[in-house]
Structure formats: structure tokens, C-alpha cells
């Protein structure tokens, strides 16, 4: 996927959406917003997963936005 252009991804995405919805006239998305995890210098293809012993509550905590005030102890 990372080697494809945005136009190629958009075309493939539109085909999948039209096929899955059964609507051949479904309008194409206006744009594509995607990450490039494999080539990003700080991730290099990494992914996240729920570790053994973790719970859904842990995921909820990680999903919280960072505090705007750097003195906030959260």
C-alpha cells in the first residue's frame, strides 16, 4: 500500500466500498488520509496490541488526549 499513489488507493478503496455496499453508484471519497507506518522513521512498521494482563480499561486510558497543561499530573 505504501508504494501506491493516493489516486491508486482511492480507486481501490472506492471499488471495495461499492462492492461491500452493493451500490455501484456510491460516490468516491473526496480524499485519502493514510499513514505510512512501514517507512515512518519513528515506527518502522511497528504495531500495537493488547498485552497479556491488560484490559479494555487500559486501552481507554491510553486513548485519552494528553493534557494541555504540562503541570497536569495525568
PDB file of N, CA and C in Angstrom:
ATOM      1  N   UNK A   1       0.810  -1.198   0.000  1.00  0.00           N
ATOM      2  CA  UNK A   1       0.000   0.000   0.000  1.00  0.00           C
ATOM      3  C   UNK A   1       0.856   1.266   0.000  1.00  0.00           C
ATOM      4  N   UNK A   2       1.963   1.254   0.690  1.00  0.00           N
ATOM      5  CA  UNK A   2       2.775   2.466   0.785  1.00  0.00           C
ATOM      6  C   UNK A   2       3.393   2.864  -0.543  1.00  0.00           C
ATOM      7  N   UNK A   3       3.528   1.917  -1.453  1.00  0.00           N
ATOM      8  CA  UNK A   3       4.133   2.239  -2.749  1.00  0.00           C
ATOM      9  C   UNK A   3       3.108   2.768  -3.739  1.00  0.00           C
ATOM     10  N   UNK A   4       1.826   2.687  -3.404  1.00  0.00           N
ATOM     11  CA  UNK A   4       0.775   3.167  -4.302  1.00  0.00           C
ATOM     12  C   UNK A   4       0.573   4.668  -4.140  1.00  0.00           C
ATOM     13  N   UNK A   5       0.142   5.299  -5.208  1.00  0.00           N
ATOM     14  CA  UNK A   5      -0.188   6.726  -5.142  1.00  0.00           C
ATOM     15  C   UNK A   5      -1.534   6.893  -4.434  1.00  0.00           C
ATOM     16  N   UNK A   6      -1.824   8.108  -3.996  1.00  0.00           N
ATOM     17  CA  UNK A   6      -3.126   8.373  -3.381  1.00  0.00           C
ATOM     18  C   UNK A   6      -4.254   8.058  -4.352  1.00  0.00           C
ATOM     19  N   UNK A   7      -4.056   8.348  -5.640  1.00  0.00           N
ATOM     20  CA  UNK A   7      -5.089   8.072  -6.643  1.00  0.00           C
ATOM     21  C   UNK A   7      -5.352   6.571  -6.754  1.00  0.00           C
ATOM     22  N   UNK A   8      -4.291   5.770  -6.686  1.00  0.00           N
ATOM     23  CA  UNK A   8      -4.466   4.316  -6.760  1.00  0.00           C
ATOM     24  C   UNK A   8      -5.182   3.776  -5.522  1.00  0.00           C
ATOM     25  N   UNK A   9      -4.838   4.295  -4.360  1.00  0.00           N
ATOM     26  CA  UNK A   9      -5.504   3.878  -3.126  1.00  0.00           C
ATOM     27  C   UNK A   9      -6.970   4.293  -3.165  1.00  0.00           C
ATOM     28  N   UNK A  10      -7.237   5.504  -3.610  1.00  0.00           N
ATOM     29  CA  UNK A  10      -8.605   5.996  -3.708  1.00  0.00           C
ATOM     30  C   UNK A  10      -9.432   5.129  -4.649  1.00  0.00           C
ATOM     31  N   UNK A  11      -8.869   4.750  -5.768  1.00  0.00           N
ATOM     32  CA  UNK A  11      -9.567   3.900  -6.729  1.00  0.00           C
ATOM     33  C   UNK A  11      -9.886   2.530  -6.123  1.00  0.00           C
ATOM     34  N   UNK A  12      -8.910   1.928  -5.470  1.00  0.00           N
ATOM     35  CA  UNK A  12      -9.121   0.616  -4.852  1.00  0.00           C
ATOM     36  C   UNK A  12     -10.141   0.708  -3.717  1.00  0.00           C
ATOM     37  N   UNK A  13     -10.040   1.769  -2.917  1.00  0.00           N
ATOM     38  CA  UNK A  13     -10.966   1.977  -1.816  1.00  0.00           C
ATOM     39  C   UNK A  13     -12.400   2.134  -2.327  1.00  0.00           C
ATOM     40  N   UNK A  14     -12.558   2.895  -3.395  1.00  0.00           N
ATOM     41  CA  UNK A  14     -13.877   3.109  -3.983  1.00  0.00           C
ATOM     42  C   UNK A  14     -14.456   1.789  -4.472  1.00  0.00           C
ATOM     43  N   UNK A  15     -13.641   0.980  -5.114  1.00  0.00           N
ATOM     44  CA  UNK A  15     -14.098  -0.328  -5.602  1.00  0.00           C
ATOM     45  C   UNK A  15     -14.574  -1.201  -4.434  1.00  0.00           C
ATOM     46  N   UNK A  16     -13.797  -1.250  -3.361  1.00  0.00           N
ATOM     47  CA  UNK A  16     -14.169  -2.063  -2.197  1.00  0.00           C
ATOM     48  C   UNK A  16     -15.464  -1.550  -1.577  1.00  0.00           C
ATOM     49  N   UNK A  17     -15.580  -0.247  -1.391  1.00  0.00           N
ATOM     50  CA  UNK A  17     -16.794   0.320  -0.791  1.00  0.00           C
ATOM     51  C   UNK A  17     -18.025   0.043  -1.645  1.00  0.00           C
ATOM     52  N   UNK A  18     -17.893   0.192  -2.943  1.00  0.00           N
ATOM     53  CA  UNK A  18     -19.024  -0.076  -3.836  1.00  0.00           C
ATOM     54  C   UNK A  18     -19.407  -1.549  -3.815  1.00  0.00           C
ATOM     55  N   UNK A  19     -18.410  -2.415  -3.769  1.00  0.00           N
ATOM     56  CA  UNK A  19     -18.682  -3.855  -3.717  1.00  0.00           C
ATOM     57  C   UNK A  19     -19.342  -4.234  -2.396  1.00  0.00           C
ATOM     58  N   UNK A  20     -18.816  -3.738  -1.288  1.00  0.00           N
ATOM     59  CA  UNK A  20     -19.341  -4.099   0.034  1.00  0.00           C
ATOM     60  C   UNK A  20     -20.744  -3.547   0.278  1.00  0.00           C
ATOM     61  N   UNK A  21     -21.037  -2.373  -0.269  1.00  0.00           N
ATOM     62  CA  UNK A  21     -22.364  -1.786  -0.060  1.00  0.00           C
ATOM     63  C   UNK A  21     -23.368  -2.241  -1.110  1.00  0.00           C
ATOM     64  N   UNK A  22     -22.872  -2.814  -2.208  1.00  0.00           N
ATOM     65  CA  UNK A  22     -23.764  -3.208  -3.292  1.00  0.00           C
ATOM     66  C   UNK A  22     -24.275  -2.022  -4.086  1.00  0.00           C
ATOM     67  N   UNK A  23     -23.653  -0.874  -3.916  1.00  0.00           N
ATOM     68  CA  UNK A  23     -24.087   0.343  -4.600  1.00  0.00           C
ATOM     69  C   UNK A  23     -23.013   0.770  -5.600  1.00  0.00           C
ATOM     70  N   UNK A  24     -23.197   0.428  -6.885  1.00  0.00           N
ATOM     71  CA  UNK A  24     -22.183   0.791  -7.878  1.00  0.00           C
ATOM     72  C   UNK A  24     -22.099   2.293  -8.148  1.00  0.00           C
ATOM     73  N   UNK A  25     -23.086   3.052  -7.681  1.00  0.00           N
ATOM     74  CA  UNK A  25     -23.099   4.495  -7.904  1.00  0.00           C
ATOM     75  C   UNK A  25     -22.622   5.284  -6.683  1.00  0.00           C
ATOM     76  N   UNK A  26     -22.137   4.589  -5.669  1.00  0.00           N
ATOM     77  CA  UNK A  26     -21.653   5.266  -4.473  1.00  0.00           C
ATOM     78  C   UNK A  26     -20.546   6.241  -4.863  1.00  0.00           C
ATOM     79  N   UNK A  27     -20.654   7.503  -4.465  1.00  0.00           N
ATOM     80  CA  UNK A  27     -19.609   8.467  -4.835  1.00  0.00           C
ATOM     81  C   UNK A  27     -18.261   8.085  -4.228  1.00  0.00           C
ATOM     82  N   UNK A  28     -17.226   8.380  -4.947  1.00  0.00           N
ATOM     83  CA  UNK A  28     -15.869   8.115  -4.455  1.00  0.00           C
ATOM     84  C   UNK A  28     -15.556   9.066  -3.306  1.00  0.00           C
ATOM     85  N   UNK A  29     -14.755   8.636  -2.340  1.00  0.00           N
ATOM     86  CA  UNK A  29     -14.317   9.562  -1.290  1.00  0.00           C
ATOM     87  C   UNK A  29     -13.603  10.759  -1.920  1.00  0.00           C
ATOM     88  N   UNK A  30     -13.679  11.901  -1.267  1.00  0.00           N
ATOM     89  CA  UNK A  30     -13.061  13.117  -1.809  1.00  0.00           C
ATOM     90  C   UNK A  30     -11.547  13.125  -1.676  1.00  0.00           C
ATOM     91  N   UNK A  31     -11.056  12.440  -0.669  1.00  0.00           N
ATOM     92  CA  UNK A  31      -9.607  12.443  -0.460  1.00  0.00           C
ATOM     93  C   UNK A  31      -9.194  11.205   0.327  1.00  0.00           C
ATOM     94  N   UNK A  32      -7.898  11.029   0.420  1.00  0.00           N
ATOM     95  CA  UNK A  32      -7.327   9.905   1.154  1.00  0.00           C
ATOM     96  C   UNK A  32      -6.427  10.463   2.246  1.00  0.00           C
ATOM     97  N   UNK A  33      -6.586   9.962   3.441  1.00  0.00           N
ATOM     98  CA  UNK A  33      -5.692  10.298   4.541  1.00  0.00           C
ATOM     99  C   UNK A  33      -5.181   8.973   5.073  1.00  0.00           C
ATOM    100  N   UNK A  34      -3.896   8.750   4.951  1.00  0.00           N
ATOM    101  CA  UNK A  34      -3.341   7.459   5.358  1.00  0.00           C
ATOM    102  C   UNK A  34      -1.981   7.635   6.002  1.00  0.00           C
ATOM    103  N   UNK A  35      -1.617   6.636   6.757  1.00  0.00           N
ATOM    104  CA  UNK A  35      -0.291   6.640   7.378  1.00  0.00           C
ATOM    105  C   UNK A  35       0.635   5.756   6.561  1.00  0.00           C
ATOM    106  N   UNK A  36       1.893   5.932   6.789  1.00  0.00           N
ATOM    107  CA  UNK A  36       2.906   5.095   6.138  1.00  0.00           C
ATOM    108  C   UNK A  36       3.798   4.513   7.235  1.00  0.00           C
ATOM    109  N   UNK A  37       3.204   3.601   8.007  1.00  0.00           N
ATOM    110  CA  UNK A  37       3.861   3.043   9.182  1.00  0.00           C
ATOM    111  C   UNK A  37       5.171   2.349   8.845  1.00  0.00           C
ATOM    112  N   UNK A  38       5.215   1.655   7.743  1.00  0.00           N
ATOM    113  CA  UNK A  38       6.414   0.879   7.426  1.00  0.00           C
ATOM    114  C   UNK A  38       7.626   1.774   7.185  1.00  0.00           C
ATOM    115  N   UNK A  39       7.411   2.900   6.547  1.00  0.00           N
ATOM    116  CA  UNK A  39       8.542   3.763   6.217  1.00  0.00           C
ATOM    117  C   UNK A  39       8.705   4.953   7.164  1.00  0.00           C
ATOM    118  N   UNK A  40       7.776   5.136   8.093  1.00  0.00           N
ATOM    119  CA  UNK A  40       7.886   6.246   9.045  1.00  0.00           C
ATOM    120  C   UNK A  40       9.095   6.020   9.954  1.00  0.00           C
ATOM    121  N   UNK A  41       9.947   7.030  10.115  1.00  0.00           N
ATOM    122  CA  UNK A  41      11.197   6.830  10.857  1.00  0.00           C
ATOM    123  C   UNK A  41      11.019   6.458  12.328  1.00  0.00           C
ATOM    124  N   UNK A  42       9.886   6.814  12.937  1.00  0.00           N
ATOM    125  CA  UNK A  42       9.713   6.525  14.358  1.00  0.00           C
ATOM    126  C   UNK A  42       8.890   5.276  14.631  1.00  0.00           C
ATOM    127  N   UNK A  43       8.339   4.655  13.606  1.00  0.00           N
ATOM    128  CA  UNK A  43       7.568   3.428  13.812  1.00  0.00           C
ATOM    129  C   UNK A  43       8.164   2.241  13.077  1.00  0.00           C
ATOM    130  N   UNK A  44       8.643   2.454  11.880  1.00  0.00           N
ATOM    131  CA  UNK A  44       9.292   1.418  11.070  1.00  0.00           C
ATOM    132  C   UNK A  44       8.492   0.120  11.022  1.00  0.00           C
ATOM    133  N   UNK A  45       7.190   0.246  10.810  1.00  0.00           N
ATOM    134  CA  UNK A  45       6.359  -0.937  10.639  1.00  0.00           C
ATOM    135  C   UNK A  45       5.833  -1.535  11.926  1.00  0.00           C
ATOM    136  N   UNK A  46       6.031  -0.870  13.042  1.00  0.00           N
ATOM    137  CA  UNK A  46       5.551  -1.423  14.304  1.00  0.00           C
ATOM    138  C   UNK A  46       4.032  -1.339  14.375  1.00  0.00           C
ATOM    139  N   UNK A  47       3.486  -2.044  15.312  1.00  0.00           N
ATOM    140  CA  UNK A  47       2.050  -2.019  15.524  1.00  0.00           C
ATOM    141  C   UNK A  47       1.798  -2.191  17.013  1.00  0.00           C
ATOM    142  N   UNK A  48       0.589  -1.894  17.437  1.00  0.00           N
ATOM    143  CA  UNK A  48       0.263  -2.052  18.848  1.00  0.00           C
ATOM    144  C   UNK A  48      -0.664  -3.245  19.028  1.00  0.00           C
ATOM    145  N   UNK A  49      -0.676  -3.769  20.210  1.00  0.00           N
ATOM    146  CA  UNK A  49      -1.552  -4.882  20.542  1.00  0.00           C
ATOM    147  C   UNK A  49      -1.807  -4.827  22.040  1.00  0.00           C
ATOM    148  N   UNK A  50      -2.831  -5.534  22.465  1.00  0.00           N
ATOM    149  CA  UNK A  50      -3.151  -5.584  23.886  1.00  0.00           C
ATOM    150  C   UNK A  50      -2.257  -6.643  24.524  1.00  0.00           C
ATOM    151  N   UNK A  51      -1.467  -6.237  25.475  1.00  0.00           N
ATOM    152  CA  UNK A  51      -0.538  -7.155  26.138  1.00  0.00           C
ATOM    153  C   UNK A  51      -1.284  -8.095  27.082  1.00  0.00           C
ATOM    154  N   UNK A  52      -0.696  -9.226  27.344  1.00  0.00           N
ATOM    155  CA  UNK A  52      -1.245 -10.168  28.312  1.00  0.00           C
ATOM    156  C   UNK A  52      -1.368  -9.453  29.649  1.00  0.00           C
ATOM    157  N   UNK A  53      -2.519  -9.568  30.272  1.00  0.00           N
ATOM    158  CA  UNK A  53      -2.748  -8.914  31.550  1.00  0.00           C
ATOM    159  C   UNK A  53      -3.358  -7.530  31.426  1.00  0.00           C
ATOM    160  N   UNK A  54      -3.458  -7.009  30.213  1.00  0.00           N
ATOM    161  CA  UNK A  54      -4.080  -5.702  30.000  1.00  0.00           C
ATOM    162  C   UNK A  54      -5.580  -5.880  29.839  1.00  0.00           C
ATOM    163  N   UNK A  55      -6.283  -4.778  29.957  1.00  0.00           N
ATOM    164  CA  UNK A  55      -7.738  -4.829  29.823  1.00  0.00           C
ATOM    165  C   UNK A  55      -8.212  -3.701  28.909  1.00  0.00           C
ATOM    166  N   UNK A  56      -9.494  -3.719  28.632  1.00  0.00           N
ATOM    167  CA  UNK A  56     -10.095  -2.647  27.847  1.00  0.00           C
ATOM    168  C   UNK A  56      -9.954  -1.302  28.528  1.00  0.00           C
ATOM    169  N   UNK A  57      -9.924  -1.309  29.866  1.00  0.00           N
ATOM    170  CA  UNK A  57      -9.738  -0.051  30.605  1.00  0.00           C
ATOM    171  C   UNK A  57      -8.381   0.569  30.290  1.00  0.00           C
ATOM    172  N   UNK A  58      -7.356  -0.276  30.135  1.00  0.00           N
ATOM    173  CA  UNK A  58      -6.023   0.239  29.801  1.00  0.00           C
ATOM    174  C   UNK A  58      -6.038   0.933  28.444  1.00  0.00           C
ATOM    175  N   UNK A  59      -6.755   0.355  27.506  1.00  0.00           N
ATOM    176  CA  UNK A  59      -6.858   0.944  26.167  1.00  0.00           C
ATOM    177  C   UNK A  59      -7.576   2.286  26.249  1.00  0.00           C
ATOM    178  N   UNK A  60      -8.635   2.337  27.059  1.00  0.00           N
ATOM    179  CA  UNK A  60      -9.373   3.595  27.222  1.00  0.00           C
ATOM    180  C   UNK A  60      -8.481   4.690  27.806  1.00  0.00           C
ATOM    181  N   UNK A  61      -7.638   4.338  28.769  1.00  0.00           N
ATOM    182  CA  UNK A  61      -6.730   5.318  29.375  1.00  0.00           C
ATOM    183  C   UNK A  61      -5.740   5.823  28.331  1.00  0.00           C
ATOM    184  N   UNK A  62      -5.188   4.913  27.534  1.00  0.00           N
ATOM    185  CA  UNK A  62      -4.231   5.323  26.503  1.00  0.00           C
ATOM    186  C   UNK A  62      -4.877   6.189  25.425  1.00  0.00           C
ATOM    187  N   UNK A  63      -6.172   6.028  25.225  1.00  0.00           N
ATOM    188  CA  UNK A  63      -6.872   6.780  24.180  1.00  0.00           C
ATOM    189  C   UNK A  63      -7.206   8.206  24.603  1.00  0.00           C
ATOM    190  N   UNK A  64      -7.046   8.519  25.879  1.00  0.00           N
ATOM    191  CA  UNK A  64      -7.361   9.860  26.363  1.00  0.00           C
ATOM    192  C   UNK A  64      -6.373  10.872  25.789  1.00  0.00           C
ATOM    193  N   UNK A  65      -6.845  12.075  25.468  1.00  0.00           N
ATOM    194  CA  UNK A  65      -5.924  13.101  24.963  1.00  0.00           C
ATOM    195  C   UNK A  65      -4.929  13.510  26.047  1.00  0.00           C
ATOM    196  N   UNK A  66      -3.778  13.937  25.603  1.00  0.00           N
ATOM    197  CA  UNK A  66      -2.776  14.431  26.544  1.00  0.00           C
ATOM    198  C   UNK A  66      -3.254  15.750  27.132  1.00  0.00           C
ATOM    199  N   UNK A  67      -2.912  16.032  28.379  1.00  0.00           N
ATOM    200  CA  UNK A  67      -3.339  17.302  28.974  1.00  0.00           C
ATOM    201  C   UNK A  67      -2.658  18.478  28.278  1.00  0.00           C
ATOM    202  N   UNK A  68      -3.390  19.569  28.160  1.00  0.00           N
ATOM    203  CA  UNK A  68      -2.817  20.769  27.539  1.00  0.00           C
ATOM    204  C   UNK A  68      -1.846  21.465  28.485  1.00  0.00           C
ATOM    205  N   UNK A  69      -2.098  21.343  29.774  1.00  0.00           N
ATOM    206  CA  UNK A  69      -1.241  21.979  30.776  1.00  0.00           C
ATOM    207  C   UNK A  69      -0.130  20.999  31.164  1.00  0.00           C
ATOM    208  N   UNK A  70       1.132  21.337  30.922  1.00  0.00           N
ATOM    209  CA  UNK A  70       2.222  20.414  31.239  1.00  0.00           C
ATOM    210  C   UNK A  70       2.346  20.113  32.734  1.00  0.00           C
ATOM    211  N   UNK A  71       1.702  20.920  33.575  1.00  0.00           N
ATOM    212  CA  UNK A  71       1.744  20.673  35.027  1.00  0.00           C
ATOM    213  C   UNK A  71       0.666  19.693  35.466  1.00  0.00           C
ATOM    214  N   UNK A  72      -0.233  19.314  34.541  1.00  0.00           N
ATOM    215  CA  UNK A  72      -1.292  18.352  34.843  1.00  0.00           C
ATOM    216  C   UNK A  72      -0.645  16.979  35.066  1.00  0.00           C
ATOM    217  N   UNK A  73      -0.848  16.361  36.238  1.00  0.00           N
ATOM    218  CA  UNK A  73      -0.151  15.106  36.555  1.00  0.00           C
ATOM    219  C   UNK A  73      -0.690  13.862  35.843  1.00  0.00           C
ATOM    220  N   UNK A  74      -1.733  13.989  35.026  1.00  0.00           N
ATOM    221  CA  UNK A  74      -2.282  12.786  34.379  1.00  0.00           C
ATOM    222  C   UNK A  74      -1.264  12.083  33.553  1.00  0.00           C
TER     223      UNK A  74
END
